[in-house]
Amino acid sequence: MGTALGEQAAARSTLWIYFEGAAGMTVEEMLAECRGTEGTLDMDELQDLLRVLDPCIYARHEPYIESYPDDEPAYIRCACTACGKVFASSHKRIKDITRCPECGTPVTPKRWGNQYKRVNAFLYTHLIRGKGRAVWARSYRVEQMLCEDGLAIETTPVSIYHFDDGVTEKFRQYAFGASWERVKGERFTGDTWYKSVMQRTMHPEFIGHIDKETLGLV
């Protein structure tokens, strides 16, 4: 089910080109109407989307011994990016772990060091039904982080789009924790997130599940 969801979301990605519309709300009005929608992200769906990226298992010998293989480790501790689970493996060598025993996903084995680092990232847009015929789209940067204890998913809001009869507008946070600003102009592009500005490569983007209520079909 998770893989199918990810494939559907991948097929729906890169839909944003540009929008045109008249100005509608002030920043204060937007924040008042959007209040309470920050916690509506489905973390299980975000984890499912990670399955369609480059799935890896990060593994290390426990107890962690700098001088290995001079001393024999007790077991191999693993963290799978596809399912997010942490578990012990009976394999003797990290390079032999090519499939996650928890979720069955084929994986690339990598060494799990002590550093806190980002291992996956994508841009995610979540659609929410507003008042009347209005639809809101909230855009987030989603990062899967590898830390000492395992894997964690962190989300950072980027943009909010407002669609209504005769109105299409965009609000943006240009830095984490900064104030929301209304994007001026009748035309504006969708969000992009570059891996490397010099090479012009971008992180993948996904549009989440859209239910019938959001589409106005119920």
N, C-alpha and C. Protein backbone atom coordinates (compact mmCIF):
# COMPACT_ATOMS: atom_id res chain seq x y z
N MET A 1 0.84 -1.20 0.00
CA MET A 1 0.00 0.00 0.00
C MET A 1 0.87 1.25 0.00
N GLY A 2 1.96 1.21 0.83
CA GLY A 2 2.82 2.37 0.93
C GLY A 2 3.50 2.67 -0.39
N THR A 3 4.01 1.63 -1.09
CA THR A 3 4.69 1.84 -2.35
C THR A 3 3.73 2.39 -3.38
N ALA A 4 2.51 1.86 -3.43
CA ALA A 4 1.52 2.35 -4.39
C ALA A 4 1.21 3.82 -4.15
N LEU A 5 1.08 4.20 -2.87
CA LEU A 5 0.82 5.60 -2.53
C LEU A 5 1.95 6.47 -3.00
N GLY A 6 3.17 6.03 -2.78
CA GLY A 6 4.32 6.81 -3.21
C GLY A 6 4.37 6.98 -4.71
N GLU A 7 4.05 5.91 -5.47
CA GLU A 7 4.06 5.98 -6.92
C GLU A 7 2.99 6.95 -7.41
N GLN A 8 1.82 6.94 -6.77
CA GLN A 8 0.76 7.87 -7.16
C GLN A 8 1.19 9.30 -6.89
N ALA A 9 1.81 9.52 -5.73
CA ALA A 9 2.25 10.87 -5.40
C ALA A 9 3.34 11.33 -6.35
N ALA A 10 4.24 10.41 -6.73
CA ALA A 10 5.30 10.77 -7.67
C ALA A 10 4.71 11.16 -9.01
N ALA A 11 3.65 10.46 -9.42
CA ALA A 11 3.01 10.78 -10.69
C ALA A 11 2.33 12.14 -10.64
N ARG A 12 1.91 12.56 -9.43
CA ARG A 12 1.23 13.84 -9.31
C ARG A 12 2.19 14.99 -9.07
N SER A 13 3.48 14.70 -8.95
CA SER A 13 4.43 15.76 -8.63
C SER A 13 4.70 16.65 -9.84
N THR A 14 5.40 17.74 -9.59
CA THR A 14 5.78 18.72 -10.61
C THR A 14 4.57 19.25 -11.38
N LEU A 15 3.44 19.46 -10.70
CA LEU A 15 2.26 20.01 -11.34
C LEU A 15 2.26 21.53 -11.33
N TRP A 16 3.08 22.13 -10.44
CA TRP A 16 3.03 23.58 -10.31
C TRP A 16 3.82 24.24 -11.43
N ILE A 17 3.18 25.08 -12.21
CA ILE A 17 3.88 25.84 -13.25
C ILE A 17 3.78 27.33 -12.91
N TYR A 18 2.62 27.91 -13.08
CA TYR A 18 2.38 29.25 -12.56
C TYR A 18 0.88 29.43 -12.38
N PHE A 19 0.51 30.40 -11.56
CA PHE A 19 -0.89 30.68 -11.28
C PHE A 19 -1.14 32.16 -11.54
N GLU A 20 -2.36 32.48 -11.92
CA GLU A 20 -2.75 33.86 -12.09
C GLU A 20 -4.00 34.11 -11.27
N GLY A 21 -4.11 35.27 -10.66
CA GLY A 21 -5.32 35.56 -9.90
C GLY A 21 -5.24 36.91 -9.23
N ALA A 22 -6.38 37.36 -8.80
CA ALA A 22 -6.45 38.66 -8.13
C ALA A 22 -6.09 38.51 -6.66
N ALA A 23 -5.71 39.64 -6.05
CA ALA A 23 -5.38 39.63 -4.63
C ALA A 23 -6.64 39.39 -3.82
N GLY A 24 -6.51 38.65 -2.71
CA GLY A 24 -7.68 38.36 -1.90
C GLY A 24 -7.51 38.76 -0.45
N MET A 25 -6.60 38.12 0.28
CA MET A 25 -6.49 38.28 1.72
C MET A 25 -5.24 39.03 2.13
N THR A 26 -5.31 39.63 3.28
CA THR A 26 -4.10 40.14 3.92
C THR A 26 -3.42 38.97 4.63
N VAL A 27 -2.17 39.17 5.06
CA VAL A 27 -1.45 38.14 5.80
C VAL A 27 -2.20 37.78 7.08
N GLU A 28 -2.74 38.77 7.77
CA GLU A 28 -3.45 38.53 9.02
C GLU A 28 -4.71 37.68 8.79
N GLU A 29 -5.44 37.97 7.70
CA GLU A 29 -6.64 37.19 7.38
C GLU A 29 -6.28 35.75 7.02
N MET A 30 -5.18 35.60 6.28
CA MET A 30 -4.74 34.26 5.90
C MET A 30 -4.38 33.44 7.13
N LEU A 31 -3.60 34.01 8.04
CA LEU A 31 -3.18 33.29 9.23
C LEU A 31 -4.37 32.93 10.11
N ALA A 32 -5.36 33.82 10.18
CA ALA A 32 -6.55 33.55 10.98
C ALA A 32 -7.34 32.37 10.42
N GLU A 33 -7.46 32.30 9.09
CA GLU A 33 -8.23 31.20 8.49
C GLU A 33 -7.45 29.90 8.47
N CYS A 34 -6.12 29.99 8.40
CA CYS A 34 -5.29 28.78 8.36
C CYS A 34 -4.94 28.24 9.74
N ARG A 35 -5.31 28.97 10.78
CA ARG A 35 -4.95 28.56 12.13
C ARG A 35 -5.50 27.16 12.42
N GLY A 36 -4.64 26.29 12.93
CA GLY A 36 -5.09 24.94 13.26
C GLY A 36 -4.79 23.91 12.19
N THR A 37 -4.30 24.34 11.01
CA THR A 37 -4.02 23.37 9.94
C THR A 37 -2.57 22.90 9.95
N GLU A 38 -1.73 23.46 10.84
CA GLU A 38 -0.31 23.08 10.84
C GLU A 38 -0.10 21.63 11.22
N GLY A 39 -0.97 21.10 12.08
CA GLY A 39 -0.77 19.74 12.57
C GLY A 39 -1.52 18.67 11.80
N THR A 40 -1.95 18.99 10.57
CA THR A 40 -2.75 18.04 9.81
C THR A 40 -1.93 17.15 8.90
N LEU A 41 -0.62 17.26 8.92
CA LEU A 41 0.21 16.41 8.08
C LEU A 41 0.12 14.95 8.54
N ASP A 42 0.03 14.05 7.58
CA ASP A 42 -0.01 12.61 7.86
C ASP A 42 1.43 12.10 7.82
N MET A 43 2.02 11.84 8.98
CA MET A 43 3.42 11.42 9.04
C MET A 43 3.61 10.04 8.41
N ASP A 44 2.58 9.19 8.46
CA ASP A 44 2.67 7.88 7.81
C ASP A 44 2.78 8.04 6.30
N GLU A 45 2.05 9.03 5.75
CA GLU A 45 2.14 9.27 4.30
C GLU A 45 3.53 9.78 3.93
N LEU A 46 4.10 10.64 4.75
CA LEU A 46 5.45 11.13 4.48
C LEU A 46 6.46 9.98 4.50
N GLN A 47 6.28 9.05 5.44
CA GLN A 47 7.18 7.89 5.49
C GLN A 47 7.01 7.02 4.25
N ASP A 48 5.75 6.86 3.78
CA ASP A 48 5.50 6.08 2.57
C ASP A 48 6.19 6.71 1.36
N LEU A 49 6.22 8.04 1.29
CA LEU A 49 6.86 8.71 0.17
C LEU A 49 8.38 8.46 0.16
N LEU A 50 8.95 8.25 1.33
CA LEU A 50 10.39 7.98 1.41
C LEU A 50 10.75 6.65 0.76
N ARG A 51 9.78 5.76 0.60
CA ARG A 51 10.04 4.47 -0.03
C ARG A 51 10.39 4.62 -1.51
N VAL A 52 9.89 5.68 -2.17
CA VAL A 52 10.14 5.83 -3.60
C VAL A 52 11.44 6.59 -3.87
N LEU A 53 12.08 7.10 -2.82
CA LEU A 53 13.38 7.72 -2.98
C LEU A 53 14.46 6.63 -2.93
N ASP A 54 15.67 6.98 -2.66
CA ASP A 54 16.76 6.00 -2.65
C ASP A 54 16.80 5.30 -1.29
N PRO A 55 16.15 4.11 -1.17
CA PRO A 55 16.09 3.46 0.16
C PRO A 55 17.44 2.89 0.57
N CYS A 56 17.80 3.17 1.81
CA CYS A 56 19.08 2.71 2.35
C CYS A 56 18.87 2.14 3.75
N ILE A 57 19.78 1.28 4.15
CA ILE A 57 19.89 0.87 5.54
C ILE A 57 21.22 1.38 6.06
N TYR A 58 21.15 2.19 7.12
CA TYR A 58 22.35 2.65 7.80
C TYR A 58 22.63 1.68 8.95
N ALA A 59 23.84 1.18 9.01
CA ALA A 59 24.15 0.12 9.97
C ALA A 59 25.49 0.40 10.66
N ARG A 60 25.59 -0.07 11.91
CA ARG A 60 26.83 0.06 12.66
C ARG A 60 26.94 -1.12 13.62
N HIS A 61 28.17 -1.44 13.97
CA HIS A 61 28.41 -2.52 14.91
C HIS A 61 28.19 -2.02 16.33
N GLU A 62 27.54 -2.83 17.13
CA GLU A 62 27.30 -2.50 18.53
C GLU A 62 27.95 -3.55 19.43
N PRO A 63 28.63 -3.15 20.48
CA PRO A 63 28.91 -1.74 20.80
C PRO A 63 29.84 -1.11 19.76
N TYR A 64 29.72 0.22 19.58
CA TYR A 64 30.50 0.91 18.56
C TYR A 64 31.96 0.90 18.95
N ILE A 65 32.78 0.29 18.11
CA ILE A 65 34.21 0.13 18.41
C ILE A 65 35.02 0.73 17.27
N GLU A 66 35.80 1.75 17.56
CA GLU A 66 36.59 2.42 16.53
C GLU A 66 37.59 1.46 15.87
N SER A 67 38.07 0.50 16.64
CA SER A 67 39.15 -0.36 16.15
C SER A 67 38.64 -1.63 15.47
N TYR A 68 37.30 -1.73 15.27
CA TYR A 68 36.78 -2.94 14.61
C TYR A 68 37.50 -3.10 13.28
N PRO A 69 37.91 -4.36 12.90
CA PRO A 69 37.50 -5.65 13.48
C PRO A 69 38.47 -6.24 14.50
N ASP A 70 39.32 -5.43 15.13
CA ASP A 70 40.24 -5.99 16.13
C ASP A 70 39.48 -6.62 17.30
N ASP A 71 38.29 -6.00 17.64
CA ASP A 71 37.43 -6.56 18.67
C ASP A 71 36.11 -6.98 18.03
N GLU A 72 35.58 -8.08 18.44
CA GLU A 72 34.34 -8.62 17.85
C GLU A 72 33.12 -7.87 18.39
N PRO A 73 32.29 -7.27 17.52
CA PRO A 73 31.07 -6.58 17.99
C PRO A 73 30.00 -7.58 18.39
N ALA A 74 29.04 -7.12 19.18
CA ALA A 74 27.96 -7.99 19.65
C ALA A 74 26.92 -8.22 18.56
N TYR A 75 26.55 -7.17 17.83
CA TYR A 75 25.54 -7.30 16.77
C TYR A 75 25.60 -6.06 15.88
N ILE A 76 24.80 -6.06 14.82
CA ILE A 76 24.72 -4.91 13.93
C ILE A 76 23.39 -4.20 14.16
N ARG A 77 23.44 -2.91 14.43
CA ARG A 77 22.25 -2.09 14.63
C ARG A 77 21.93 -1.37 13.33
N CYS A 78 20.67 -1.41 12.89
CA CYS A 78 20.27 -0.89 11.58
C CYS A 78 19.15 0.12 11.70
N ALA A 79 19.11 1.06 10.75
CA ALA A 79 18.01 2.02 10.61
C ALA A 79 17.66 2.07 9.13
N CYS A 80 16.39 1.77 8.80
CA CYS A 80 15.95 1.70 7.41
C CYS A 80 15.23 3.00 7.03
N THR A 81 15.69 3.66 5.96
CA THR A 81 15.05 4.91 5.55
C THR A 81 13.67 4.67 4.94
N ALA A 82 13.41 3.47 4.42
CA ALA A 82 12.13 3.19 3.77
C ALA A 82 10.98 3.08 4.76
N CYS A 83 11.23 2.44 5.91
CA CYS A 83 10.16 2.26 6.90
C CYS A 83 10.40 3.05 8.18
N GLY A 84 11.63 3.56 8.37
CA GLY A 84 11.93 4.36 9.54
C GLY A 84 12.22 3.57 10.80
N LYS A 85 12.25 2.23 10.68
CA LYS A 85 12.42 1.40 11.87
C LYS A 85 13.90 1.16 12.18
N VAL A 86 14.17 0.95 13.47
CA VAL A 86 15.51 0.62 13.96
C VAL A 86 15.45 -0.79 14.53
N PHE A 87 16.43 -1.62 14.17
CA PHE A 87 16.38 -3.02 14.58
C PHE A 87 17.80 -3.61 14.60
N ALA A 88 17.92 -4.78 15.19
CA ALA A 88 19.19 -5.49 15.24
C ALA A 88 19.21 -6.53 14.12
N SER A 89 20.36 -6.69 13.49
CA SER A 89 20.52 -7.66 12.40
C SER A 89 21.48 -8.76 12.83
N SER A 90 21.21 -9.96 12.32
CA SER A 90 22.08 -11.10 12.63
C SER A 90 23.20 -11.25 11.60
N HIS A 91 23.23 -10.37 10.59
CA HIS A 91 24.30 -10.44 9.60
C HIS A 91 25.65 -10.16 10.27
N LYS A 92 26.68 -10.74 9.70
CA LYS A 92 28.03 -10.52 10.21
C LYS A 92 28.68 -9.30 9.56
N ARG A 93 28.26 -9.01 8.30
CA ARG A 93 28.86 -7.90 7.58
C ARG A 93 27.77 -6.94 7.12
N ILE A 94 28.06 -5.65 7.23
CA ILE A 94 27.08 -4.63 6.85
C ILE A 94 26.75 -4.72 5.37
N LYS A 95 27.74 -4.99 4.53
CA LYS A 95 27.51 -5.00 3.09
C LYS A 95 26.58 -6.13 2.64
N ASP A 96 26.33 -7.11 3.52
CA ASP A 96 25.43 -8.21 3.17
C ASP A 96 23.96 -7.87 3.40
N ILE A 97 23.65 -6.73 4.00
CA ILE A 97 22.26 -6.35 4.29
C ILE A 97 21.72 -5.60 3.07
N THR A 98 21.01 -6.30 2.20
CA THR A 98 20.52 -5.70 0.95
C THR A 98 19.00 -5.63 0.89
N ARG A 99 18.33 -6.10 1.92
CA ARG A 99 16.87 -6.02 1.99
C ARG A 99 16.46 -5.81 3.44
N CYS A 100 15.54 -4.88 3.68
CA CYS A 100 15.10 -4.62 5.05
C CYS A 100 14.23 -5.78 5.54
N PRO A 101 14.59 -6.43 6.66
CA PRO A 101 13.78 -7.52 7.18
C PRO A 101 12.45 -7.06 7.77
N GLU A 102 12.31 -5.75 8.03
CA GLU A 102 11.09 -5.23 8.62
C GLU A 102 10.03 -4.91 7.57
N CYS A 103 10.43 -4.28 6.46
CA CYS A 103 9.45 -3.88 5.44
C CYS A 103 9.65 -4.57 4.10
N GLY A 104 10.75 -5.29 3.93
CA GLY A 104 10.99 -6.05 2.70
C GLY A 104 11.51 -5.22 1.54
N THR A 105 11.85 -3.95 1.76
CA THR A 105 12.31 -3.08 0.68
C THR A 105 13.78 -3.38 0.34
N PRO A 106 14.12 -3.54 -0.96
CA PRO A 106 15.54 -3.64 -1.33
C PRO A 106 16.25 -2.35 -0.98
N VAL A 107 17.41 -2.45 -0.37
CA VAL A 107 18.11 -1.27 0.15
C VAL A 107 19.59 -1.31 -0.20
N THR A 108 20.21 -0.14 -0.11
CA THR A 108 21.66 -0.02 -0.22
C THR A 108 22.23 0.11 1.18
N PRO A 109 23.12 -0.79 1.58
CA PRO A 109 23.70 -0.68 2.94
C PRO A 109 24.75 0.41 3.01
N LYS A 110 24.69 1.21 4.09
CA LYS A 110 25.66 2.27 4.31
C LYS A 110 26.06 2.27 5.78
N ARG A 111 27.24 2.79 6.06
CA ARG A 111 27.71 2.83 7.44
C ARG A 111 27.07 3.98 8.20
N TRP A 112 26.67 3.69 9.42
CA TRP A 112 26.00 4.64 10.31
C TRP A 112 27.02 5.18 11.29
N GLY A 113 27.44 6.42 11.08
CA GLY A 113 28.41 7.04 11.97
C GLY A 113 27.73 7.75 13.13
N ASN A 114 28.45 8.58 13.80
CA ASN A 114 27.91 9.30 14.96
C ASN A 114 27.36 10.68 14.62
N GLN A 115 27.51 11.09 13.34
CA GLN A 115 27.11 12.45 12.98
C GLN A 115 25.60 12.54 12.75
N TYR A 116 25.07 13.72 13.04
CA TYR A 116 23.66 14.03 12.77
C TYR A 116 23.59 14.60 11.36
N LYS A 117 22.88 13.93 10.46
CA LYS A 117 22.89 14.39 9.08
C LYS A 117 21.57 14.10 8.38
N ARG A 118 21.34 14.84 7.30
CA ARG A 118 20.15 14.62 6.47
C ARG A 118 20.44 13.52 5.46
N VAL A 119 19.54 12.55 5.38
CA VAL A 119 19.74 11.44 4.45
C VAL A 119 18.74 11.45 3.31
N ASN A 120 17.61 12.15 3.46
CA ASN A 120 16.61 12.27 2.39
C ASN A 120 15.91 13.61 2.54
N ALA A 121 15.41 14.14 1.43
CA ALA A 121 14.68 15.41 1.49
C ALA A 121 13.77 15.52 0.27
N PHE A 122 12.61 16.13 0.46
CA PHE A 122 11.73 16.41 -0.66
C PHE A 122 10.79 17.56 -0.30
N LEU A 123 10.18 18.12 -1.32
CA LEU A 123 9.19 19.19 -1.16
C LEU A 123 7.81 18.55 -1.20
N TYR A 124 6.95 18.93 -0.26
CA TYR A 124 5.65 18.27 -0.13
C TYR A 124 4.54 19.33 -0.02
N THR A 125 3.46 19.13 -0.79
CA THR A 125 2.33 20.05 -0.76
C THR A 125 1.09 19.32 -0.28
N HIS A 126 0.44 19.89 0.72
CA HIS A 126 -0.72 19.29 1.37
C HIS A 126 -1.93 20.18 1.12
N LEU A 127 -3.00 19.61 0.54
CA LEU A 127 -4.20 20.38 0.23
C LEU A 127 -5.26 20.21 1.30
N ILE A 128 -5.92 21.33 1.65
CA ILE A 128 -6.92 21.34 2.72
C ILE A 128 -8.13 22.14 2.25
N ARG A 129 -9.32 21.66 2.55
CA ARG A 129 -10.54 22.39 2.22
C ARG A 129 -10.72 23.56 3.18
N GLY A 130 -11.04 24.75 2.64
CA GLY A 130 -11.30 25.92 3.46
C GLY A 130 -12.78 26.22 3.56
N LYS A 131 -13.11 27.46 3.84
CA LYS A 131 -14.51 27.87 3.94
C LYS A 131 -15.12 27.99 2.54
N GLY A 132 -16.37 27.56 2.41
CA GLY A 132 -17.05 27.67 1.12
C GLY A 132 -16.33 26.85 0.06
N ARG A 133 -15.96 27.52 -1.03
CA ARG A 133 -15.28 26.83 -2.14
C ARG A 133 -13.76 26.97 -2.07
N ALA A 134 -13.27 27.58 -1.01
CA ALA A 134 -11.83 27.83 -0.91
C ALA A 134 -11.05 26.54 -0.68
N VAL A 135 -9.85 26.48 -1.26
CA VAL A 135 -8.91 25.37 -1.04
C VAL A 135 -7.56 25.98 -0.69
N TRP A 136 -6.93 25.43 0.35
CA TRP A 136 -5.61 25.86 0.78
C TRP A 136 -4.58 24.79 0.43
N ALA A 137 -3.40 25.21 0.02
CA ALA A 137 -2.30 24.28 -0.22
C ALA A 137 -1.11 24.75 0.60
N ARG A 138 -0.65 23.90 1.48
CA ARG A 138 0.50 24.24 2.33
C ARG A 138 1.72 23.46 1.85
N SER A 139 2.80 24.16 1.61
CA SER A 139 4.02 23.57 1.08
C SER A 139 5.06 23.46 2.19
N TYR A 140 5.72 22.30 2.26
CA TYR A 140 6.70 22.03 3.33
C TYR A 140 7.99 21.46 2.73
N ARG A 141 9.09 21.77 3.38
CA ARG A 141 10.32 21.02 3.15
C ARG A 141 10.34 19.87 4.16
N VAL A 142 10.49 18.66 3.65
CA VAL A 142 10.50 17.46 4.50
C VAL A 142 11.91 16.87 4.47
N GLU A 143 12.47 16.66 5.66
CA GLU A 143 13.83 16.12 5.76
C GLU A 143 13.83 14.88 6.66
N GLN A 144 14.46 13.84 6.20
CA GLN A 144 14.66 12.65 7.03
C GLN A 144 16.08 12.72 7.59
N MET A 145 16.16 12.78 8.92
CA MET A 145 17.44 12.99 9.57
C MET A 145 17.90 11.71 10.27
N LEU A 146 19.19 11.43 10.15
CA LEU A 146 19.80 10.30 10.84
C LEU A 146 20.54 10.84 12.06
N CYS A 147 20.15 10.34 13.23
CA CYS A 147 20.79 10.79 14.47
C CYS A 147 21.30 9.58 15.23
N GLU A 148 21.77 9.79 16.43
CA GLU A 148 22.38 8.71 17.21
C GLU A 148 21.38 7.60 17.53
N ASP A 149 20.11 7.96 17.75
CA ASP A 149 19.11 6.98 18.15
C ASP A 149 18.35 6.35 16.99
N GLY A 150 18.42 6.95 15.79
CA GLY A 150 17.67 6.40 14.67
C GLY A 150 17.33 7.48 13.65
N LEU A 151 16.12 7.39 13.09
CA LEU A 151 15.69 8.31 12.04
C LEU A 151 14.53 9.17 12.52
N ALA A 152 14.46 10.40 12.04
CA ALA A 152 13.38 11.30 12.40
C ALA A 152 12.98 12.10 11.16
N ILE A 153 11.70 12.45 11.06
CA ILE A 153 11.20 13.27 9.97
C ILE A 153 10.94 14.68 10.49
N GLU A 154 11.55 15.67 9.86
CA GLU A 154 11.37 17.07 10.24
C GLU A 154 10.70 17.81 9.09
N THR A 155 9.74 18.69 9.43
CA THR A 155 9.03 19.46 8.41
C THR A 155 9.18 20.95 8.67
N THR A 156 9.41 21.70 7.61
CA THR A 156 9.55 23.15 7.70
C THR A 156 8.59 23.79 6.72
N PRO A 157 7.65 24.63 7.19
CA PRO A 157 6.70 25.28 6.27
C PRO A 157 7.41 26.26 5.34
N VAL A 158 6.98 26.29 4.08
CA VAL A 158 7.58 27.16 3.08
C VAL A 158 6.58 28.17 2.55
N SER A 159 5.45 27.66 2.03
CA SER A 159 4.46 28.52 1.38
C SER A 159 3.04 28.08 1.71
N ILE A 160 2.12 29.02 1.55
CA ILE A 160 0.69 28.74 1.65
C ILE A 160 0.01 29.34 0.43
N TYR A 161 -0.77 28.51 -0.27
CA TYR A 161 -1.52 28.96 -1.43
C TYR A 161 -3.01 29.00 -1.07
N HIS A 162 -3.70 30.02 -1.61
CA HIS A 162 -5.14 30.17 -1.38
C HIS A 162 -5.84 30.25 -2.73
N PHE A 163 -6.77 29.31 -2.94
CA PHE A 163 -7.54 29.27 -4.18
C PHE A 163 -9.02 29.46 -3.85
N ASP A 164 -9.66 30.39 -4.55
CA ASP A 164 -11.09 30.62 -4.39
C ASP A 164 -11.61 31.19 -5.71
N ASP A 165 -12.90 31.41 -5.80
CA ASP A 165 -13.47 31.95 -7.03
C ASP A 165 -12.83 33.29 -7.37
N GLY A 166 -12.13 33.35 -8.49
CA GLY A 166 -11.50 34.59 -8.93
C GLY A 166 -10.27 35.00 -8.17
N VAL A 167 -9.79 34.17 -7.23
CA VAL A 167 -8.64 34.52 -6.40
C VAL A 167 -7.65 33.37 -6.35
N THR A 168 -6.40 33.66 -6.65
CA THR A 168 -5.30 32.72 -6.45
C THR A 168 -4.14 33.52 -5.89
N GLU A 169 -3.66 33.15 -4.72
CA GLU A 169 -2.60 33.94 -4.09
C GLU A 169 -1.66 33.04 -3.31
N LYS A 170 -0.50 33.60 -3.04
CA LYS A 170 0.56 32.83 -2.38
C LYS A 170 1.17 33.66 -1.25
N PHE A 171 1.42 32.97 -0.13
CA PHE A 171 2.10 33.57 1.03
C PHE A 171 3.35 32.72 1.30
N ARG A 172 4.42 33.35 1.75
CA ARG A 172 5.69 32.63 1.87
C ARG A 172 6.45 33.05 3.11
N GLN A 173 7.18 32.07 3.69
CA GLN A 173 8.17 32.33 4.72
C GLN A 173 9.54 32.20 4.07
N TYR A 174 10.29 33.28 4.04
CA TYR A 174 11.58 33.25 3.35
C TYR A 174 12.71 32.69 4.21
N ALA A 175 12.46 32.50 5.48
CA ALA A 175 13.44 31.88 6.38
C ALA A 175 12.67 31.26 7.53
N PHE A 176 13.26 30.23 8.14
CA PHE A 176 12.59 29.54 9.23
C PHE A 176 12.34 30.51 10.39
N GLY A 177 11.08 30.56 10.84
CA GLY A 177 10.73 31.44 11.94
C GLY A 177 10.44 32.87 11.54
N ALA A 178 10.62 33.19 10.24
CA ALA A 178 10.37 34.56 9.78
C ALA A 178 8.86 34.79 9.63
N SER A 179 8.49 36.05 9.48
CA SER A 179 7.09 36.40 9.31
C SER A 179 6.61 35.97 7.92
N TRP A 180 5.34 35.65 7.83
CA TRP A 180 4.74 35.32 6.53
C TRP A 180 4.59 36.61 5.72
N GLU A 181 4.84 36.50 4.41
CA GLU A 181 4.69 37.64 3.52
C GLU A 181 3.84 37.24 2.32
N ARG A 182 3.03 38.16 1.87
CA ARG A 182 2.22 37.89 0.69
C ARG A 182 3.07 38.13 -0.55
N VAL A 183 3.09 37.15 -1.48
CA VAL A 183 3.85 37.29 -2.72
C VAL A 183 3.10 38.23 -3.65
N LYS A 184 3.73 39.30 -4.06
CA LYS A 184 3.07 40.30 -4.87
C LYS A 184 3.13 39.93 -6.34
N GLY A 185 2.20 40.47 -7.10
CA GLY A 185 2.17 40.24 -8.54
C GLY A 185 1.05 39.31 -8.93
N GLU A 186 0.65 39.36 -10.18
CA GLU A 186 -0.45 38.53 -10.66
C GLU A 186 0.01 37.14 -11.05
N ARG A 187 1.31 36.96 -11.23
CA ARG A 187 1.83 35.65 -11.59
C ARG A 187 2.92 35.27 -10.58
N PHE A 188 2.96 33.99 -10.25
CA PHE A 188 4.03 33.51 -9.39
C PHE A 188 4.25 32.04 -9.65
N THR A 189 5.45 31.59 -9.41
CA THR A 189 5.79 30.19 -9.67
C THR A 189 5.52 29.34 -8.45
N GLY A 190 5.52 28.03 -8.66
CA GLY A 190 5.44 27.11 -7.54
C GLY A 190 6.78 27.04 -6.83
N ASP A 191 6.84 26.25 -5.78
CA ASP A 191 8.05 26.16 -4.97
C ASP A 191 9.07 25.21 -5.60
N THR A 192 10.33 25.53 -5.44
CA THR A 192 11.43 24.65 -5.83
C THR A 192 12.43 24.62 -4.69
N TRP A 193 13.19 23.52 -4.61
CA TRP A 193 14.19 23.36 -3.56
C TRP A 193 15.41 22.74 -4.19
N TYR A 194 16.45 23.53 -4.36
CA TYR A 194 17.64 23.07 -5.06
C TYR A 194 18.55 22.25 -4.15
N LYS A 195 19.02 21.11 -4.68
CA LYS A 195 20.10 20.37 -4.03
C LYS A 195 21.40 21.15 -4.22
N SER A 196 21.60 21.59 -5.44
CA SER A 196 22.79 22.36 -5.79
C SER A 196 22.39 23.44 -6.77
N VAL A 197 22.53 24.69 -6.36
CA VAL A 197 22.19 25.81 -7.24
C VAL A 197 23.13 25.83 -8.44
N MET A 198 24.39 25.50 -8.23
CA MET A 198 25.37 25.53 -9.32
C MET A 198 25.02 24.51 -10.39
N GLN A 199 24.60 23.31 -9.98
CA GLN A 199 24.28 22.25 -10.93
C GLN A 199 22.81 22.26 -11.36
N ARG A 200 22.00 23.15 -10.72
CA ARG A 200 20.58 23.29 -11.05
C ARG A 200 19.82 21.99 -10.85
N THR A 201 20.20 21.21 -9.86
CA THR A 201 19.47 19.98 -9.53
C THR A 201 18.56 20.25 -8.35
N MET A 202 17.36 19.65 -8.37
CA MET A 202 16.36 19.94 -7.35
C MET A 202 15.96 18.69 -6.59
N HIS A 203 15.54 18.88 -5.34
CA HIS A 203 14.95 17.80 -4.58
C HIS A 203 13.61 17.43 -5.23
N PRO A 204 13.19 16.18 -5.12
CA PRO A 204 11.88 15.80 -5.68
C PRO A 204 10.75 16.50 -4.95
N GLU A 205 9.60 16.59 -5.62
CA GLU A 205 8.44 17.21 -4.99
C GLU A 205 7.23 16.30 -5.16
N PHE A 206 6.36 16.31 -4.16
CA PHE A 206 5.19 15.46 -4.15
C PHE A 206 3.97 16.26 -3.72
N ILE A 207 2.82 15.89 -4.26
CA ILE A 207 1.54 16.40 -3.80
C ILE A 207 0.86 15.27 -3.05
N GLY A 208 0.44 15.52 -1.83
CA GLY A 208 -0.13 14.47 -0.99
C GLY A 208 -1.50 14.02 -1.43
N HIS A 209 -2.03 13.07 -0.71
CA HIS A 209 -3.35 12.52 -0.98
C HIS A 209 -4.41 13.62 -0.94
N ILE A 210 -5.30 13.63 -1.94
CA ILE A 210 -6.36 14.63 -2.00
C ILE A 210 -7.69 13.90 -1.82
N ASP A 211 -8.41 14.18 -0.72
CA ASP A 211 -9.66 13.46 -0.46
C ASP A 211 -10.84 14.14 -1.16
N LYS A 212 -12.00 13.47 -1.13
CA LYS A 212 -13.19 13.97 -1.82
C LYS A 212 -13.70 15.26 -1.22
N GLU A 213 -13.53 15.44 0.10
CA GLU A 213 -13.97 16.66 0.74
C GLU A 213 -13.20 17.87 0.21
N THR A 214 -11.89 17.71 0.04
CA THR A 214 -11.09 18.80 -0.48
C THR A 214 -11.49 19.16 -1.90
N LEU A 215 -11.85 18.14 -2.69
CA LEU A 215 -12.26 18.38 -4.07
C LEU A 215 -13.70 18.86 -4.19
N GLY A 216 -14.42 18.87 -3.06
CA GLY A 216 -15.81 19.32 -3.07
C GLY A 216 -16.78 18.30 -3.65
N LEU A 217 -16.42 17.01 -3.51
CA LEU A 217 -17.25 15.94 -4.07
C LEU A 217 -18.18 15.30 -3.05
N VAL A 218 -18.15 15.79 -1.81
CA VAL A 218 -19.05 15.26 -0.76
C VAL A 218 -19.82 16.43 -0.13
